[in-house]
Amino acid sequence: MSEPNAPKPPSDAAPAFAKRSLAAQALGHVDPVTRAVVAPLHVATTFLRDPDNGYSSGFSYARPDNATVREAEAVLAMLEDAAAGALLFGSGMAAATAVFTALEPGDHVVAPRVMYWGLKRWLNAEMPRRRIAVDFVDMDDLPALERAIRPGTTTLVWIETPGNPLWTVTDIAEAARLAHAAGARLAVDSTAASPIHTRPLTLGADIVMHSATKILNGHSDVVAGVLAGARADAFWERLAAIRSGGGAILGPFEAYLLMRSLRTLPLRAAAQAASAAELARRLQAHPNVSRVLYPGLPDDPGHAVAARQMQGGFGFMLSIRVRDGEAAAIAAAARVRLWKRATSLGGVESLIEHRASVEGPDSPCPPDLLRLSTGIEAVDDLFADLDAALRDA
């Protein structure tokens, strides 16, 4: 049975305008009371019953549903071409873990060897408790993925592309083909791509997840997560029930801020990807950089696949390996002036981080690696700052 307050996709089909146009106007919403072009913030926690004890408004209580959240979900569903709609959660981890929580004891999962370290740590800790087996493989190696999938037992293939922090690229269409042939679902963490550059559902994925904290919000002031679904099937209803029952919905104020940000997402994503590509090109020739990891570079191992499944750019994230090793990498990060030494990614401010120090001894990161999240500053300034820090380290 469907959750009574589960969010629904928009009832009216979106007009034949570009996604950029629809995002800019939040699907053209006009407040019916004030005629404001910005949707109001709804913070009520409870709602009046009808005389017959029903809820004709569609709202009963704030834990399972909220009007402001629905507004943001409608824009996200449009951006992802999500027929089932979108579900906003209180964090990216809450969204991601809901997918695994929806599995049954005895299920089998295939996940990336290189992925967001927080989720991988959670999987290693929690999946054995739930009697769910997880195999970690290199997802850019399709034969390895095929070998890891157990037909009839594997119920979920989880991929992350580009994969944080090495930015490896997984062929979404091929991963979907392999998963579906074995009776499994494909879920894609597309945080580093955003729906502006990749729409996994159109490539065969069943579920797409974003840490909306990152470029979807883009202003480093909201923690949020989202799932978007290809079909409103029983599994999707289970995800809605998990969010409702567990009280994991995003708060209305955070949803309001996220909606503000989604209006400019296409512009921000394009600008940040253009700067990342330029930085990658320049840093390839830097004497103190031994390697640049960025799928937009023609000689990157994932470039051909990325060129097929990414549109309008290759994302805003790249990593560099510092030629003189770990100490030089840490010293360079300590010397930047414009870049900010901080965790997270996707904001309008550029961030730099020595990931091996953050992730610990099990990190797949080489110790000489610096992760760069490119913002919207002038690219000449960003390069000059990195150049000076690398040369003086």
Protein backbone atom coordinates (compact mmCIF):
# COMPACT_ATOMS: atom_id res chain seq x y z
CA MET A 1 0.00 0.00 0.00
CA SER A 2 1.28 3.46 -0.84
CA GLU A 3 2.13 5.84 1.96
CA PRO A 4 -0.85 8.22 2.34
CA ASN A 5 1.40 11.29 2.48
CA ALA A 6 4.14 10.15 0.11
CA PRO A 7 5.23 13.01 -2.18
CA LYS A 8 3.76 12.84 -5.66
CA PRO A 9 5.31 14.05 -8.91
CA PRO A 10 3.75 17.17 -10.43
CA SER A 11 0.28 16.45 -11.80
CA ASP A 12 0.67 18.61 -14.89
CA ALA A 13 3.23 17.84 -17.55
CA ALA A 14 5.96 20.47 -17.75
CA PRO A 15 5.77 22.76 -20.80
CA ALA A 16 8.20 22.21 -23.63
CA PHE A 17 10.75 24.66 -22.31
CA ALA A 18 14.44 24.00 -21.64
CA LYS A 19 15.31 22.65 -18.21
CA ARG A 20 17.31 25.81 -17.59
CA SER A 21 14.17 27.89 -18.15
CA LEU A 22 12.02 25.65 -15.96
CA ALA A 23 14.60 25.65 -13.16
CA ALA A 24 14.99 29.44 -13.28
CA GLN A 25 11.26 29.88 -12.64
CA ALA A 26 10.85 26.88 -10.31
CA LEU A 27 8.45 25.36 -12.87
CA GLY A 28 6.63 28.69 -13.15
CA HIS A 29 5.02 28.52 -9.71
CA VAL A 30 3.06 31.63 -8.71
CA ASP A 31 1.66 31.85 -5.20
CA PRO A 32 -2.16 31.77 -5.58
CA VAL A 33 -2.77 34.09 -2.63
CA THR A 34 -0.21 36.88 -3.09
CA ARG A 35 0.74 36.27 -6.76
CA ALA A 36 4.38 36.22 -5.66
CA VAL A 37 6.81 34.64 -8.11
CA VAL A 38 8.67 32.95 -5.24
CA ALA A 39 6.89 30.16 -3.38
CA PRO A 40 6.24 30.86 0.32
CA LEU A 41 7.98 29.04 3.14
CA HIS A 42 5.58 26.62 4.88
CA VAL A 43 6.70 25.81 8.42
CA ALA A 44 3.48 24.51 10.01
CA THR A 45 3.77 21.17 11.79
CA THR A 46 0.07 20.30 11.90
CA PHE A 47 -3.00 20.98 9.76
CA LEU A 48 -6.73 21.42 10.31
CA ARG A 49 -8.98 18.41 9.82
CA ASP A 50 -12.15 18.62 7.75
CA PRO A 51 -15.53 18.27 9.48
CA ASP A 52 -15.59 14.61 8.41
CA ASN A 53 -12.14 14.16 10.03
CA GLY A 54 -10.34 13.96 6.68
CA TYR A 55 -7.53 16.07 5.22
CA SER A 56 -8.75 17.44 1.92
CA SER A 57 -5.67 19.68 1.71
CA GLY A 58 -3.45 16.61 1.41
CA PHE A 59 -1.44 17.57 4.51
CA SER A 60 -1.85 16.14 7.99
CA TYR A 61 1.47 16.42 9.79
CA ALA A 62 4.94 17.75 8.99
CA ARG A 63 7.00 14.61 9.49
CA PRO A 64 5.88 12.79 6.33
CA ASP A 65 5.22 15.78 4.08
CA ASN A 66 5.61 19.52 3.58
CA ALA A 67 4.49 21.90 0.84
CA THR A 68 7.87 23.65 0.53
CA VAL A 69 9.61 20.29 0.26
CA ARG A 70 7.19 19.27 -2.49
CA GLU A 71 8.07 22.40 -4.47
CA ALA A 72 11.78 21.58 -4.43
CA GLU A 73 11.12 17.90 -5.17
CA ALA A 74 9.12 18.85 -8.27
CA VAL A 75 12.05 20.84 -9.68
CA LEU A 76 14.49 18.03 -8.92
CA ALA A 77 12.22 15.46 -10.56
CA MET A 78 12.04 17.65 -13.65
CA LEU A 79 15.82 18.02 -13.80
CA GLU A 80 16.35 14.25 -13.48
CA ASP A 81 13.49 13.16 -15.78
CA ALA A 82 12.23 11.16 -12.81
CA ALA A 83 8.82 9.65 -13.58
CA ALA A 84 8.37 8.56 -9.94
CA GLY A 85 9.29 11.99 -8.60
CA ALA A 86 11.90 12.87 -6.00
CA LEU A 87 12.24 12.43 -2.24
CA LEU A 88 14.22 14.95 -0.18
CA PHE A 89 16.03 13.78 2.95
CA GLY A 90 17.82 15.54 5.78
CA SER A 91 21.25 14.63 4.35
CA GLY A 92 22.92 12.78 1.53
CA MET A 93 23.73 9.95 3.92
CA ALA A 94 20.07 9.71 4.96
CA ALA A 95 19.07 9.40 1.30
CA ALA A 96 21.75 6.85 0.46
CA THR A 97 21.25 4.67 3.53
CA ALA A 98 17.48 4.60 2.90
CA VAL A 99 18.16 2.65 -0.30
CA PHE A 100 20.17 0.00 1.56
CA THR A 101 17.71 -0.05 4.46
CA ALA A 102 14.97 -0.97 1.97
CA LEU A 103 16.77 -4.23 1.12
CA GLU A 104 15.93 -7.60 2.68
CA PRO A 105 18.14 -9.92 4.78
CA GLY A 106 20.00 -12.27 2.46
CA ASP A 107 20.25 -9.73 -0.36
CA HIS A 108 23.53 -9.09 -2.11
CA VAL A 109 24.92 -5.69 -3.14
CA VAL A 110 27.74 -4.70 -5.46
CA ALA A 111 29.28 -1.31 -4.69
CA PRO A 112 32.36 0.63 -5.84
CA ARG A 113 35.77 0.14 -4.31
CA VAL A 114 36.29 3.90 -4.72
CA MET A 115 33.28 5.78 -3.40
CA TYR A 116 32.28 8.33 -0.78
CA TRP A 117 34.20 7.09 2.24
CA GLY A 118 31.42 7.83 4.75
CA LEU A 119 28.94 5.59 2.95
CA LYS A 120 31.51 2.84 2.45
CA ARG A 121 32.30 2.90 6.16
CA TRP A 122 28.56 2.68 6.96
CA LEU A 123 28.13 -0.25 4.58
CA ASN A 124 30.99 -2.15 6.19
CA ALA A 125 29.55 -1.55 9.66
CA GLU A 126 25.82 -1.98 9.05
CA MET A 127 25.29 -4.44 6.23
CA PRO A 128 26.62 -7.47 8.18
CA ARG A 129 24.16 -6.63 10.98
CA ARG A 130 21.35 -6.82 8.44
CA ARG A 131 22.71 -10.03 6.87
CA ILE A 132 23.27 -8.28 3.56
CA ALA A 133 26.47 -9.14 1.69
CA VAL A 134 28.42 -6.40 -0.10
CA ASP A 135 31.18 -6.86 -2.65
CA PHE A 136 33.32 -3.86 -3.59
CA VAL A 137 34.69 -3.77 -7.14
CA ASP A 138 36.36 -1.35 -9.53
CA MET A 139 33.29 -0.09 -11.38
CA ASP A 140 35.26 1.15 -14.38
CA ASP A 141 36.09 -2.53 -15.01
CA LEU A 142 32.84 -3.87 -16.49
CA PRO A 143 34.02 -7.51 -16.65
CA ALA A 144 34.83 -7.29 -12.92
CA LEU A 145 31.35 -5.89 -12.27
CA GLU A 146 29.76 -8.69 -14.27
CA ARG A 147 31.71 -11.31 -12.32
CA ALA A 148 30.66 -9.75 -9.00
CA ILE A 149 26.94 -9.77 -9.80
CA ARG A 150 25.14 -12.93 -8.63
CA PRO A 151 22.04 -13.53 -10.76
CA GLY A 152 19.03 -14.15 -8.57
CA THR A 153 20.83 -12.98 -5.42
CA THR A 154 22.19 -9.52 -6.23
CA THR A 155 19.35 -7.07 -5.72
CA LEU A 156 21.24 -3.77 -5.93
CA VAL A 157 24.18 -2.44 -7.88
CA TRP A 158 25.33 0.91 -6.49
CA ILE A 159 27.67 3.03 -8.57
CA GLU A 160 29.16 6.48 -8.11
CA THR A 161 30.27 8.34 -11.19
CA PRO A 162 32.52 10.24 -11.34
CA GLY A 163 33.80 8.43 -8.26
CA ASN A 164 35.04 10.56 -5.37
CA PRO A 165 37.97 11.33 -5.05
CA LEU A 166 39.76 9.66 -7.98
CA TRP A 167 36.99 10.67 -10.44
CA THR A 168 36.80 7.29 -12.14
CA VAL A 169 33.92 6.97 -14.59
CA THR A 170 31.44 4.10 -14.74
CA ASP A 171 29.44 3.35 -17.87
CA ILE A 172 25.90 3.82 -16.53
CA ALA A 173 24.11 2.23 -19.49
CA GLU A 174 26.30 -0.87 -19.37
CA ALA A 175 26.04 -1.13 -15.58
CA ALA A 176 22.25 -0.93 -15.93
CA ARG A 177 22.27 -3.66 -18.57
CA LEU A 178 24.32 -5.97 -16.35
CA ALA A 179 22.23 -5.26 -13.26
CA HIS A 180 18.90 -5.72 -14.99
CA ALA A 181 20.01 -8.95 -16.69
CA ALA A 182 20.56 -10.38 -13.21
CA GLY A 183 17.30 -9.05 -11.79
CA ALA A 184 18.95 -6.26 -9.79
CA ARG A 185 18.31 -2.52 -9.56
CA LEU A 186 20.89 0.09 -10.45
CA ALA A 187 21.30 3.11 -8.16
CA VAL A 188 23.69 5.92 -9.10
CA ASP A 189 25.32 8.45 -6.80
CA SER A 190 25.53 11.35 -9.26
CA THR A 191 26.58 14.01 -6.74
CA ALA A 192 29.73 14.99 -8.63
CA ALA A 193 27.96 15.22 -11.98
CA SER A 194 24.66 16.93 -11.08
CA PRO A 195 21.63 16.54 -13.38
CA ILE A 196 23.06 19.33 -15.52
CA HIS A 197 25.85 17.06 -16.74
CA THR A 198 24.42 13.55 -16.31
CA ARG A 199 20.88 12.18 -16.01
CA PRO A 200 21.34 8.54 -14.99
CA LEU A 201 17.64 7.63 -15.23
CA THR A 202 17.67 8.35 -18.96
CA LEU A 203 20.61 5.93 -19.28
CA GLY A 204 18.80 3.04 -17.61
CA ALA A 205 19.34 3.60 -13.88
CA ASP A 206 16.45 2.92 -11.52
CA ILE A 207 17.37 5.40 -8.78
CA VAL A 208 19.66 8.40 -8.69
CA MET A 209 20.99 9.87 -5.46
CA HIS A 210 22.59 13.24 -4.73
CA SER A 211 24.08 14.77 -1.68
CA ALA A 212 22.12 17.97 -2.30
CA THR A 213 24.46 19.66 0.17
CA LYS A 214 26.91 19.90 -2.72
CA ILE A 215 26.36 21.57 -6.08
CA LEU A 216 22.56 21.25 -6.06
CA ASN A 217 22.53 23.76 -3.21
CA GLY A 218 25.92 25.22 -3.96
CA HIS A 219 26.11 27.81 -1.18
CA SER A 220 27.51 25.74 1.71
CA ASP A 221 24.50 26.54 3.90
CA VAL A 222 22.20 23.50 3.57
CA VAL A 223 22.65 19.81 4.40
CA ALA A 224 20.28 17.73 2.28
CA GLY A 225 19.96 14.59 0.18
CA VAL A 226 17.65 13.47 -2.61
CA LEU A 227 16.53 10.31 -4.34
CA ALA A 228 14.88 10.42 -7.75
CA GLY A 229 13.13 7.38 -9.20
CA ALA A 230 12.46 5.99 -12.64
CA ARG A 231 9.27 4.18 -11.60
CA ALA A 232 6.75 4.46 -8.80
CA ASP A 233 7.01 0.76 -7.99
CA ALA A 234 6.89 -1.12 -4.69
CA PHE A 235 10.54 -0.37 -3.96
CA TRP A 236 9.98 3.35 -4.45
CA GLU A 237 6.98 3.21 -2.12
CA ARG A 238 9.21 1.45 0.41
CA LEU A 239 11.70 4.32 0.23
CA ALA A 240 8.91 6.84 0.81
CA ALA A 241 7.70 4.79 3.80
CA ILE A 242 11.22 4.62 5.27
CA ARG A 243 11.56 8.39 5.03
CA SER A 244 8.13 8.97 6.51
CA GLY A 245 8.38 6.42 9.31
CA GLY A 246 11.92 7.39 10.22
CA GLY A 247 11.27 11.12 10.18
CA ALA A 248 14.10 11.71 7.70
CA ILE A 249 12.41 14.41 5.60
CA LEU A 250 14.27 17.64 4.88
CA GLY A 251 13.17 20.63 6.95
CA PRO A 252 11.09 23.33 5.20
CA PHE A 253 13.64 26.12 5.68
CA GLU A 254 16.39 23.97 4.13
CA ALA A 255 14.04 23.08 1.27
CA TYR A 256 13.33 26.78 0.75
CA LEU A 257 17.04 27.55 0.52
CA LEU A 258 17.58 24.59 -1.80
CA MET A 259 14.83 25.85 -4.08
CA ARG A 260 16.59 29.22 -4.19
CA SER A 261 19.74 27.45 -5.34
CA LEU A 262 18.13 25.17 -7.92
CA ARG A 263 17.06 28.26 -9.87
CA THR A 264 20.69 29.06 -10.68
CA LEU A 265 22.04 25.49 -10.84
CA PRO A 266 22.46 25.37 -14.64
CA LEU A 267 24.49 28.59 -14.64
CA ARG A 268 26.64 27.60 -11.66
CA ALA A 269 27.27 24.07 -12.92
CA ALA A 270 28.33 25.32 -16.35
CA ALA A 271 30.68 27.95 -14.94
CA GLN A 272 32.24 25.60 -12.42
CA ALA A 273 32.76 22.84 -14.99
CA ALA A 274 34.38 25.28 -17.41
CA SER A 275 36.80 26.47 -14.74
CA ALA A 276 37.58 22.90 -13.65
CA ALA A 277 38.40 21.94 -17.24
CA GLU A 278 40.69 24.94 -17.64
CA LEU A 279 42.45 24.25 -14.35
CA ALA A 280 42.93 20.59 -15.32
CA ARG A 281 44.49 21.61 -18.61
CA ARG A 282 46.89 24.10 -16.99
CA LEU A 283 47.81 21.85 -14.09
CA GLN A 284 48.78 19.03 -16.47
CA ALA A 285 51.73 21.17 -17.49
CA HIS A 286 52.70 22.22 -13.96
CA PRO A 287 56.21 21.10 -12.97
CA ASN A 288 55.11 20.22 -9.43
CA VAL A 289 52.11 18.10 -10.47
CA SER A 290 52.70 14.50 -11.48
CA ARG A 291 49.13 13.74 -12.54
CA VAL A 292 45.74 15.39 -12.91
CA LEU A 293 42.64 13.27 -12.37
CA TYR A 294 39.74 14.72 -14.37
CA PRO A 295 37.47 12.89 -16.84
CA GLY A 296 37.40 15.90 -19.13
CA LEU A 297 41.03 15.41 -20.12
CA PRO A 298 41.35 13.49 -23.41
CA ASP A 299 43.98 11.15 -21.95
CA ASP A 300 41.96 10.33 -18.83
CA PRO A 301 41.03 6.60 -18.73
CA GLY A 302 37.34 7.45 -18.32
CA HIS A 303 37.17 10.20 -20.91
CA ALA A 304 35.50 8.22 -23.71
CA VAL A 305 32.70 6.98 -21.45
CA ALA A 306 32.32 10.38 -19.81
CA ALA A 307 32.03 12.03 -23.22
CA ARG A 308 29.12 9.69 -24.05
CA GLN A 309 27.14 10.12 -20.86
CA MET A 310 27.96 13.65 -19.70
CA GLN A 311 26.64 16.75 -21.45
CA GLY A 312 27.93 20.29 -21.43
CA GLY A 313 31.03 19.60 -19.37
CA PHE A 314 32.69 17.05 -17.14
CA GLY A 315 31.88 18.38 -13.71
CA PHE A 316 33.47 20.69 -11.19
CA MET A 317 35.74 18.23 -9.35
CA LEU A 318 39.33 17.25 -10.04
CA SER A 319 42.27 15.93 -8.07
CA ILE A 320 45.99 16.46 -8.47
CA ARG A 321 48.94 14.38 -7.36
CA VAL A 322 51.84 16.48 -6.13
CA ARG A 323 55.17 15.42 -7.56
CA ASP A 324 57.20 15.61 -4.34
CA GLY A 325 54.83 13.47 -2.28
CA GLU A 326 52.59 13.72 0.77
CA ALA A 327 54.51 16.37 2.69
CA ALA A 328 54.61 18.65 -0.34
CA ALA A 329 50.89 18.15 -0.94
CA ILE A 330 50.00 19.06 2.64
CA ALA A 331 52.34 22.05 2.51
CA ALA A 332 50.75 23.28 -0.73
CA ALA A 333 47.26 23.06 0.77
CA ALA A 334 48.51 25.07 3.74
CA ARG A 335 49.83 27.90 1.55
CA VAL A 336 46.77 28.72 -0.57
CA ARG A 337 45.14 32.10 -0.04
CA LEU A 338 42.06 32.07 -2.28
CA TRP A 339 41.21 28.37 -2.12
CA LYS A 340 39.72 27.32 1.23
CA ARG A 341 41.01 24.28 3.15
CA ALA A 342 37.71 22.62 3.98
CA THR A 343 35.68 19.46 3.55
CA SER A 344 32.74 19.26 1.12
CA LEU A 345 32.40 20.25 -2.50
CA GLY A 346 30.19 21.97 -5.03
CA GLY A 347 29.95 25.39 -3.40
CA VAL A 348 30.54 28.69 -5.15
CA GLU A 349 33.77 28.98 -3.16
CA SER A 350 36.68 26.76 -4.27
CA LEU A 351 37.86 24.17 -1.75
CA ILE A 352 41.07 22.16 -1.42
CA GLU A 353 41.65 19.14 0.78
CA HIS A 354 44.25 16.46 1.47
CA ARG A 355 41.83 13.54 1.40
CA ALA A 356 44.09 10.78 2.73
CA SER A 357 44.37 12.68 6.01
CA VAL A 358 40.58 12.86 6.26
CA GLU A 359 39.72 9.32 5.21
CA GLY A 360 42.33 7.49 7.24
CA PRO A 361 44.38 4.34 6.65
CA ASP A 362 41.73 2.55 4.55
CA SER A 363 41.49 5.40 2.05
CA PRO A 364 42.06 4.56 -1.63
CA CYS A 365 43.61 8.02 -1.99
CA PRO A 366 47.30 8.22 -2.80
CA PRO A 367 48.99 10.23 -0.01
CA ASP A 368 50.17 12.85 -2.50
CA LEU A 369 46.61 13.64 -3.68
CA LEU A 370 44.80 16.96 -3.23
CA ARG A 371 41.09 17.12 -4.02
CA LEU A 372 39.89 20.34 -5.65
CA SER A 373 36.30 21.58 -5.77
CA THR A 374 36.11 24.40 -8.28
CA GLY A 375 33.86 27.36 -7.47
CA ILE A 376 32.91 30.43 -9.48
CA GLU A 377 35.94 32.64 -8.80
CA ALA A 378 38.01 33.91 -11.72
CA VAL A 379 39.91 30.92 -13.08
CA ASP A 380 43.11 32.97 -13.50
CA ASP A 381 43.02 33.78 -9.79
CA LEU A 382 42.41 30.15 -8.86
CA PHE A 383 45.33 28.95 -10.96
CA ALA A 384 47.68 31.68 -9.76
CA ASP A 385 46.93 30.79 -6.15
CA LEU A 386 47.55 27.08 -6.73
CA ASP A 387 50.65 27.75 -8.80
CA ALA A 388 52.23 29.83 -6.02
CA ALA A 389 51.31 27.30 -3.35
CA LEU A 390 52.71 24.38 -5.34
CA ARG A 391 55.95 26.16 -6.24
CA ASP A 392 56.62 27.30 -2.68
CA ALA A 393 55.64 24.07 -0.90
